[in-house]
């Protein structure tokens, strides 16, 4: 992932499917490790341009295991360069923003994952609408559509598979009730997928 970011045309970059298979193997060899489950939620996030079948069972297992393993293993066992991302500002909604390391972008293959350092140097920007509405973010990140289940939960529909429920980075401060259509940016954290900059249908 790091190499694909620095030099997307490097011949040393393995295929998307190959890296995915490594992740699957790691979850078999080290099922109690945090990292393989984290990367599986990234690689298995359903979309049409990845060239692999969506394994709903594997995805849901890793998604459910992530917050448990993160709580058990703590920050000491998380890579140092992403560990610091946990120290994020709190919002006015009385809960800390989750630690997010990658976002789903408009790129292809391994370039469909964008590290947060490519977007901003300060996590304080995550609380600012003008950051999410900037041309750089709007043109780089992939905006998804889903359905609001609650003020802090979204359902993402998957064709021919069970839907996926993910939490939001902060409460959806809208008058609309549940079942409203929403759009959002998707972040991948040690605690599972996170929906950012959620917009209710009437605000699109």
C-alpha atoms as a PDB file:
ATOM      1  CA  UNK A   1       0.000   0.000   0.000  1.00  0.00           C
ATOM      2  CA  UNK A   2       2.838   2.369   0.847  1.00  0.00           C
ATOM      3  CA  UNK A   3       4.646   1.604  -2.404  1.00  0.00           C
ATOM      4  CA  UNK A   4       1.505   2.059  -4.493  1.00  0.00           C
ATOM      5  CA  UNK A   5       1.102   5.514  -2.944  1.00  0.00           C
ATOM      6  CA  UNK A   6       4.706   6.611  -3.528  1.00  0.00           C
ATOM      7  CA  UNK A   7       5.083   5.087  -7.002  1.00  0.00           C
ATOM      8  CA  UNK A   8       1.833   3.790  -8.488  1.00  0.00           C
ATOM      9  CA  UNK A   9       3.657   2.604 -11.632  1.00  0.00           C
ATOM     10  CA  UNK A  10       6.332   0.576  -9.850  1.00  0.00           C
ATOM     11  CA  UNK A  11       6.739  -2.970 -11.165  1.00  0.00           C
ATOM     12  CA  UNK A  12       7.322  -4.110  -7.575  1.00  0.00           C
ATOM     13  CA  UNK A  13       3.700  -3.555  -6.619  1.00  0.00           C
ATOM     14  CA  UNK A  14       1.832  -6.890  -6.265  1.00  0.00           C
ATOM     15  CA  UNK A  15      -1.634  -7.372  -7.678  1.00  0.00           C
ATOM     16  CA  UNK A  16      -4.675  -6.432  -5.608  1.00  0.00           C
ATOM     17  CA  UNK A  17      -5.835 -10.062  -5.585  1.00  0.00           C
ATOM     18  CA  UNK A  18      -2.421 -11.265  -4.428  1.00  0.00           C
ATOM     19  CA  UNK A  19      -2.338  -8.913  -1.431  1.00  0.00           C
ATOM     20  CA  UNK A  20      -5.909  -9.910  -0.599  1.00  0.00           C
ATOM     21  CA  UNK A  21      -4.901 -13.597  -0.616  1.00  0.00           C
ATOM     22  CA  UNK A  22      -2.037 -12.795   1.765  1.00  0.00           C
ATOM     23  CA  UNK A  23      -4.536 -11.206   4.138  1.00  0.00           C
ATOM     24  CA  UNK A  24      -6.783 -14.273   3.978  1.00  0.00           C
ATOM     25  CA  UNK A  25      -3.794 -16.494   4.732  1.00  0.00           C
ATOM     26  CA  UNK A  26      -2.788 -14.325   7.683  1.00  0.00           C
ATOM     27  CA  UNK A  27      -6.259 -14.544   9.233  1.00  0.00           C
ATOM     28  CA  UNK A  28      -5.861 -18.338   9.095  1.00  0.00           C
ATOM     29  CA  UNK A  29      -2.329 -18.399  10.501  1.00  0.00           C
ATOM     30  CA  UNK A  30      -2.891 -15.662  13.087  1.00  0.00           C
ATOM     31  CA  UNK A  31      -6.659 -15.354  13.673  1.00  0.00           C
ATOM     32  CA  UNK A  32      -6.196 -13.416  16.911  1.00  0.00           C
ATOM     33  CA  UNK A  33      -4.023 -10.716  15.342  1.00  0.00           C
ATOM     34  CA  UNK A  34      -5.563  -7.330  14.690  1.00  0.00           C
ATOM     35  CA  UNK A  35      -3.847  -6.415  11.417  1.00  0.00           C
ATOM     36  CA  UNK A  36      -5.183  -9.142   9.058  1.00  0.00           C
ATOM     37  CA  UNK A  37      -8.784  -8.387  10.043  1.00  0.00           C
ATOM     38  CA  UNK A  38      -8.212  -4.671   9.552  1.00  0.00           C
ATOM     39  CA  UNK A  39      -6.923  -5.161   6.013  1.00  0.00           C
ATOM     40  CA  UNK A  40      -9.634  -7.681   5.151  1.00  0.00           C
ATOM     41  CA  UNK A  41     -12.347  -5.117   5.903  1.00  0.00           C
ATOM     42  CA  UNK A  42     -10.584  -2.851   3.420  1.00  0.00           C
ATOM     43  CA  UNK A  43     -10.031  -5.378   0.647  1.00  0.00           C
ATOM     44  CA  UNK A  44     -13.456  -6.984   0.995  1.00  0.00           C
ATOM     45  CA  UNK A  45     -15.474  -3.789   1.046  1.00  0.00           C
ATOM     46  CA  UNK A  46     -17.941  -4.522  -1.798  1.00  0.00           C
ATOM     47  CA  UNK A  47     -17.461  -2.665  -5.068  1.00  0.00           C
ATOM     48  CA  UNK A  48     -17.548  -3.713  -8.689  1.00  0.00           C
ATOM     49  CA  UNK A  49     -14.012  -2.835  -9.760  1.00  0.00           C
ATOM     50  CA  UNK A  50     -11.885  -5.013  -7.446  1.00  0.00           C
ATOM     51  CA  UNK A  51     -11.983  -8.322  -9.317  1.00  0.00           C
ATOM     52  CA  UNK A  52     -12.746 -10.503  -6.290  1.00  0.00           C
ATOM     53  CA  UNK A  53     -16.025 -11.880  -4.999  1.00  0.00           C
ATOM     54  CA  UNK A  54     -17.537 -10.335  -1.898  1.00  0.00           C
ATOM     55  CA  UNK A  55     -17.279 -12.837   0.950  1.00  0.00           C
ATOM     56  CA  UNK A  56     -19.999 -11.606   3.286  1.00  0.00           C
ATOM     57  CA  UNK A  57     -19.160 -14.091   6.046  1.00  0.00           C
ATOM     58  CA  UNK A  58     -15.437 -13.278   6.074  1.00  0.00           C
ATOM     59  CA  UNK A  59     -16.094  -9.551   5.950  1.00  0.00           C
ATOM     60  CA  UNK A  60     -18.599  -9.593   8.799  1.00  0.00           C
ATOM     61  CA  UNK A  61     -16.332 -11.800  10.916  1.00  0.00           C
ATOM     62  CA  UNK A  62     -13.390  -9.417  10.553  1.00  0.00           C
ATOM     63  CA  UNK A  63     -15.645  -6.393  11.087  1.00  0.00           C
ATOM     64  CA  UNK A  64     -16.976  -7.858  14.345  1.00  0.00           C
ATOM     65  CA  UNK A  65     -13.556  -9.014  15.527  1.00  0.00           C
ATOM     66  CA  UNK A  66     -11.807  -5.676  15.007  1.00  0.00           C
ATOM     67  CA  UNK A  67     -13.186  -3.678  17.982  1.00  0.00           C
ATOM     68  CA  UNK A  68     -12.806  -6.715  20.260  1.00  0.00           C
ATOM     69  CA  UNK A  69      -9.189  -7.355  19.276  1.00  0.00           C
ATOM     70  CA  UNK A  70      -8.338  -3.671  19.410  1.00  0.00           C
ATOM     71  CA  UNK A  71      -9.682  -3.434  22.937  1.00  0.00           C
ATOM     72  CA  UNK A  72      -7.856  -6.611  23.998  1.00  0.00           C
ATOM     73  CA  UNK A  73      -4.495  -5.838  22.411  1.00  0.00           C
ATOM     74  CA  UNK A  74      -4.489  -2.114  22.985  1.00  0.00           C
ATOM     75  CA  UNK A  75      -2.408   0.484  21.198  1.00  0.00           C
ATOM     76  CA  UNK A  76       0.923  -1.103  22.109  1.00  0.00           C
ATOM     77  CA  UNK A  77       0.514  -3.776  19.466  1.00  0.00           C
ATOM     78  CA  UNK A  78      -0.618  -1.416  16.704  1.00  0.00           C
ATOM     79  CA  UNK A  79       1.927  -0.103  14.211  1.00  0.00           C
ATOM     80  CA  UNK A  80       3.581   2.967  15.665  1.00  0.00           C
ATOM     81  CA  UNK A  81       3.024   5.190  12.617  1.00  0.00           C
ATOM     82  CA  UNK A  82      -0.749   4.693  12.748  1.00  0.00           C
ATOM     83  CA  UNK A  83      -0.972   4.469  16.521  1.00  0.00           C
ATOM     84  CA  UNK A  84      -0.544   8.250  16.741  1.00  0.00           C
ATOM     85  CA  UNK A  85      -3.701   8.760  14.713  1.00  0.00           C
ATOM     86  CA  UNK A  86      -5.740   7.749  17.740  1.00  0.00           C
ATOM     87  CA  UNK A  87      -4.912  11.061  19.346  1.00  0.00           C
ATOM     88  CA  UNK A  88      -7.639  12.955  17.560  1.00  0.00           C
ATOM     89  CA  UNK A  89      -9.654  15.936  18.725  1.00  0.00           C
ATOM     90  CA  UNK A  90     -13.013  15.441  20.336  1.00  0.00           C
ATOM     91  CA  UNK A  91     -16.072  16.976  18.732  1.00  0.00           C
ATOM     92  CA  UNK A  92     -18.839  18.927  20.349  1.00  0.00           C
ATOM     93  CA  UNK A  93     -20.849  15.721  20.493  1.00  0.00           C
ATOM     94  CA  UNK A  94     -19.129  14.397  23.653  1.00  0.00           C
ATOM     95  CA  UNK A  95     -17.345  11.422  22.055  1.00  0.00           C
ATOM     96  CA  UNK A  96     -13.896  11.180  20.444  1.00  0.00           C
ATOM     97  CA  UNK A  97     -13.539  10.780  16.737  1.00  0.00           C
ATOM     98  CA  UNK A  98     -12.416   7.231  15.838  1.00  0.00           C
ATOM     99  CA  UNK A  99      -8.891   6.437  14.699  1.00  0.00           C
ATOM    100  CA  UNK A 100      -8.983   6.228  10.913  1.00  0.00           C
ATOM    101  CA  UNK A 101      -5.975   5.268   8.792  1.00  0.00           C
ATOM    102  CA  UNK A 102      -7.261   4.868   5.233  1.00  0.00           C
ATOM    103  CA  UNK A 103     -10.153   6.117   3.124  1.00  0.00           C
ATOM    104  CA  UNK A 104     -11.822   4.584   0.101  1.00  0.00           C
ATOM    105  CA  UNK A 105     -10.768   6.620  -2.932  1.00  0.00           C
ATOM    106  CA  UNK A 106     -11.727   6.816  -6.581  1.00  0.00           C
ATOM    107  CA  UNK A 107      -8.547   4.963  -7.575  1.00  0.00           C
ATOM    108  CA  UNK A 108      -8.245   1.397  -8.830  1.00  0.00           C
ATOM    109  CA  UNK A 109      -6.585  -1.643  -7.248  1.00  0.00           C
ATOM    110  CA  UNK A 110      -4.334  -0.794  -4.315  1.00  0.00           C
ATOM    111  CA  UNK A 111      -4.754   2.885  -5.168  1.00  0.00           C
ATOM    112  CA  UNK A 112      -8.386   2.637  -4.075  1.00  0.00           C
ATOM    113  CA  UNK A 113      -7.039   3.071  -0.529  1.00  0.00           C
ATOM    114  CA  UNK A 114      -5.807   6.515   0.431  1.00  0.00           C
ATOM    115  CA  UNK A 115      -3.824   7.066   3.623  1.00  0.00           C
ATOM    116  CA  UNK A 116      -4.975  10.024   5.706  1.00  0.00           C
ATOM    117  CA  UNK A 117      -1.535  11.652   5.435  1.00  0.00           C
ATOM    118  CA  UNK A 118      -2.308  12.213   1.739  1.00  0.00           C
ATOM    119  CA  UNK A 119      -5.339  14.285   2.699  1.00  0.00           C
ATOM    120  CA  UNK A 120      -4.390  16.295   5.753  1.00  0.00           C
ATOM    121  CA  UNK A 121      -1.704  16.849   8.352  1.00  0.00           C
ATOM    122  CA  UNK A 122      -4.191  17.633  11.098  1.00  0.00           C
ATOM    123  CA  UNK A 123      -7.090  15.503  12.315  1.00  0.00           C
ATOM    124  CA  UNK A 124      -8.777  18.675  13.484  1.00  0.00           C
ATOM    125  CA  UNK A 125      -9.894  19.056   9.875  1.00  0.00           C
ATOM    126  CA  UNK A 126     -12.195  16.072  10.306  1.00  0.00           C
ATOM    127  CA  UNK A 127     -14.514  18.338  12.310  1.00  0.00           C
ATOM    128  CA  UNK A 128     -14.666  20.970   9.589  1.00  0.00           C
ATOM    129  CA  UNK A 129     -17.179  20.784   6.752  1.00  0.00           C
ATOM    130  CA  UNK A 130     -15.045  22.931   4.470  1.00  0.00           C
ATOM    131  CA  UNK A 131     -12.337  20.244   4.591  1.00  0.00           C
ATOM    132  CA  UNK A 132     -14.705  17.526   3.344  1.00  0.00           C
ATOM    133  CA  UNK A 133     -16.177  19.880   0.757  1.00  0.00           C
ATOM    134  CA  UNK A 134     -12.795  20.925  -0.607  1.00  0.00           C
ATOM    135  CA  UNK A 135     -11.995  20.126  -4.234  1.00  0.00           C
ATOM    136  CA  UNK A 136      -9.144  17.801  -3.226  1.00  0.00           C
ATOM    137  CA  UNK A 137     -11.312  15.615  -1.014  1.00  0.00           C
ATOM    138  CA  UNK A 138     -14.321  15.662  -3.342  1.00  0.00           C
ATOM    139  CA  UNK A 139     -12.235  14.592  -6.344  1.00  0.00           C
ATOM    140  CA  UNK A 140     -10.112  12.034  -4.501  1.00  0.00           C
ATOM    141  CA  UNK A 141     -12.468  10.147  -2.193  1.00  0.00           C
ATOM    142  CA  UNK A 142     -15.301   7.909  -3.347  1.00  0.00           C
ATOM    143  CA  UNK A 143     -18.702   8.994  -2.071  1.00  0.00           C
ATOM    144  CA  UNK A 144     -21.072   6.143  -1.220  1.00  0.00           C
ATOM    145  CA  UNK A 145     -24.806   5.962  -0.635  1.00  0.00           C
ATOM    146  CA  UNK A 146     -26.674   4.238   2.163  1.00  0.00           C
ATOM    147  CA  UNK A 147     -29.613   4.445   4.531  1.00  0.00           C
ATOM    148  CA  UNK A 148     -29.762   6.082   7.946  1.00  0.00           C
ATOM    149  CA  UNK A 149     -30.690   3.625  10.707  1.00  0.00           C
ATOM    150  CA  UNK A 150     -30.075   5.930  13.647  1.00  0.00           C
ATOM    151  CA  UNK A 151     -28.197   9.128  14.441  1.00  0.00           C
ATOM    152  CA  UNK A 152     -24.936   7.172  14.532  1.00  0.00           C
ATOM    153  CA  UNK A 153     -25.508   4.173  12.278  1.00  0.00           C
ATOM    154  CA  UNK A 154     -25.814   3.647   8.509  1.00  0.00           C
ATOM    155  CA  UNK A 155     -26.837   0.662   6.404  1.00  0.00           C
ATOM    156  CA  UNK A 156     -24.956   0.066   3.160  1.00  0.00           C
ATOM    157  CA  UNK A 157     -26.824  -2.149   0.702  1.00  0.00           C
ATOM    158  CA  UNK A 158     -24.920  -4.917  -1.102  1.00  0.00           C
ATOM    159  CA  UNK A 159     -26.278  -6.563  -4.239  1.00  0.00           C
ATOM    160  CA  UNK A 160     -27.215 -10.229  -3.659  1.00  0.00           C
ATOM    161  CA  UNK A 161     -25.674 -10.137  -0.141  1.00  0.00           C
ATOM    162  CA  UNK A 162     -26.641  -9.028   3.366  1.00  0.00           C
ATOM    163  CA  UNK A 163     -26.404  -5.297   4.013  1.00  0.00           C
ATOM    164  CA  UNK A 164     -23.565  -3.822   6.057  1.00  0.00           C
ATOM    165  CA  UNK A 165     -24.107  -1.655   9.131  1.00  0.00           C
ATOM    166  CA  UNK A 166     -21.424   0.885   9.997  1.00  0.00           C
ATOM    167  CA  UNK A 167     -21.141   3.625  12.576  1.00  0.00           C
ATOM    168  CA  UNK A 168     -20.745   7.305  11.788  1.00  0.00           C
ATOM    169  CA  UNK A 169     -17.831   9.459  12.892  1.00  0.00           C
ATOM    170  CA  UNK A 170     -20.284  11.747  14.665  1.00  0.00           C
ATOM    171  CA  UNK A 171     -24.073  11.905  15.111  1.00  0.00           C
ATOM    172  CA  UNK A 172     -26.155  12.839  12.091  1.00  0.00           C
ATOM    173  CA  UNK A 173     -27.589  16.157  13.193  1.00  0.00           C
ATOM    174  CA  UNK A 174     -30.631  16.218  10.931  1.00  0.00           C
ATOM    175  CA  UNK A 175     -34.382  16.345  11.449  1.00  0.00           C
ATOM    176  CA  UNK A 176     -34.884  13.338   9.204  1.00  0.00           C
ATOM    177  CA  UNK A 177     -35.926  10.057  10.760  1.00  0.00           C
ATOM    178  CA  UNK A 178     -34.337   6.674  10.157  1.00  0.00           C
ATOM    179  CA  UNK A 179     -34.609   5.146   6.684  1.00  0.00           C
ATOM    180  CA  UNK A 180     -33.514   8.437   5.064  1.00  0.00           C
ATOM    181  CA  UNK A 181     -31.100   8.079   2.168  1.00  0.00           C
ATOM    182  CA  UNK A 182     -27.621   9.383   2.926  1.00  0.00           C
ATOM    183  CA  UNK A 183     -24.247   9.730   1.233  1.00  0.00           C
ATOM    184  CA  UNK A 184     -20.858   9.497   2.950  1.00  0.00           C
ATOM    185  CA  UNK A 185     -17.107   8.991   2.671  1.00  0.00           C
ATOM    186  CA  UNK A 186     -15.783   5.678   3.969  1.00  0.00           C
ATOM    187  CA  UNK A 187     -12.877   5.453   6.389  1.00  0.00           C
ATOM    188  CA  UNK A 188     -11.148   2.299   7.652  1.00  0.00           C
ATOM    189  CA  UNK A 189     -10.104   2.260  11.310  1.00  0.00           C
ATOM    190  CA  UNK A 190      -8.790  -0.290  13.807  1.00  0.00           C
ATOM    191  CA  UNK A 191     -12.345  -0.353  15.170  1.00  0.00           C
ATOM    192  CA  UNK A 192     -14.012  -1.053  11.820  1.00  0.00           C
ATOM    193  CA  UNK A 193     -15.372   0.925   8.845  1.00  0.00           C
ATOM    194  CA  UNK A 194     -16.518   4.483   9.622  1.00  0.00           C
ATOM    195  CA  UNK A 195     -18.838   6.830   7.700  1.00  0.00           C
ATOM    196  CA  UNK A 196     -17.578  10.423   7.421  1.00  0.00           C
ATOM    197  CA  UNK A 197     -19.284  13.637   6.319  1.00  0.00           C
ATOM    198  CA  UNK A 198     -22.726  12.046   6.171  1.00  0.00           C
ATOM    199  CA  UNK A 199     -25.228  14.026   4.131  1.00  0.00           C
ATOM    200  CA  UNK A 200     -28.968  13.347   4.274  1.00  0.00           C
ATOM    201  CA  UNK A 201     -30.744  13.081   0.903  1.00  0.00           C
ATOM    202  CA  UNK A 202     -32.364  16.528   0.938  1.00  0.00           C
ATOM    203  CA  UNK A 203     -28.941  18.156   1.405  1.00  0.00           C
ATOM    204  CA  UNK A 204     -27.319  16.582  -1.686  1.00  0.00           C
END
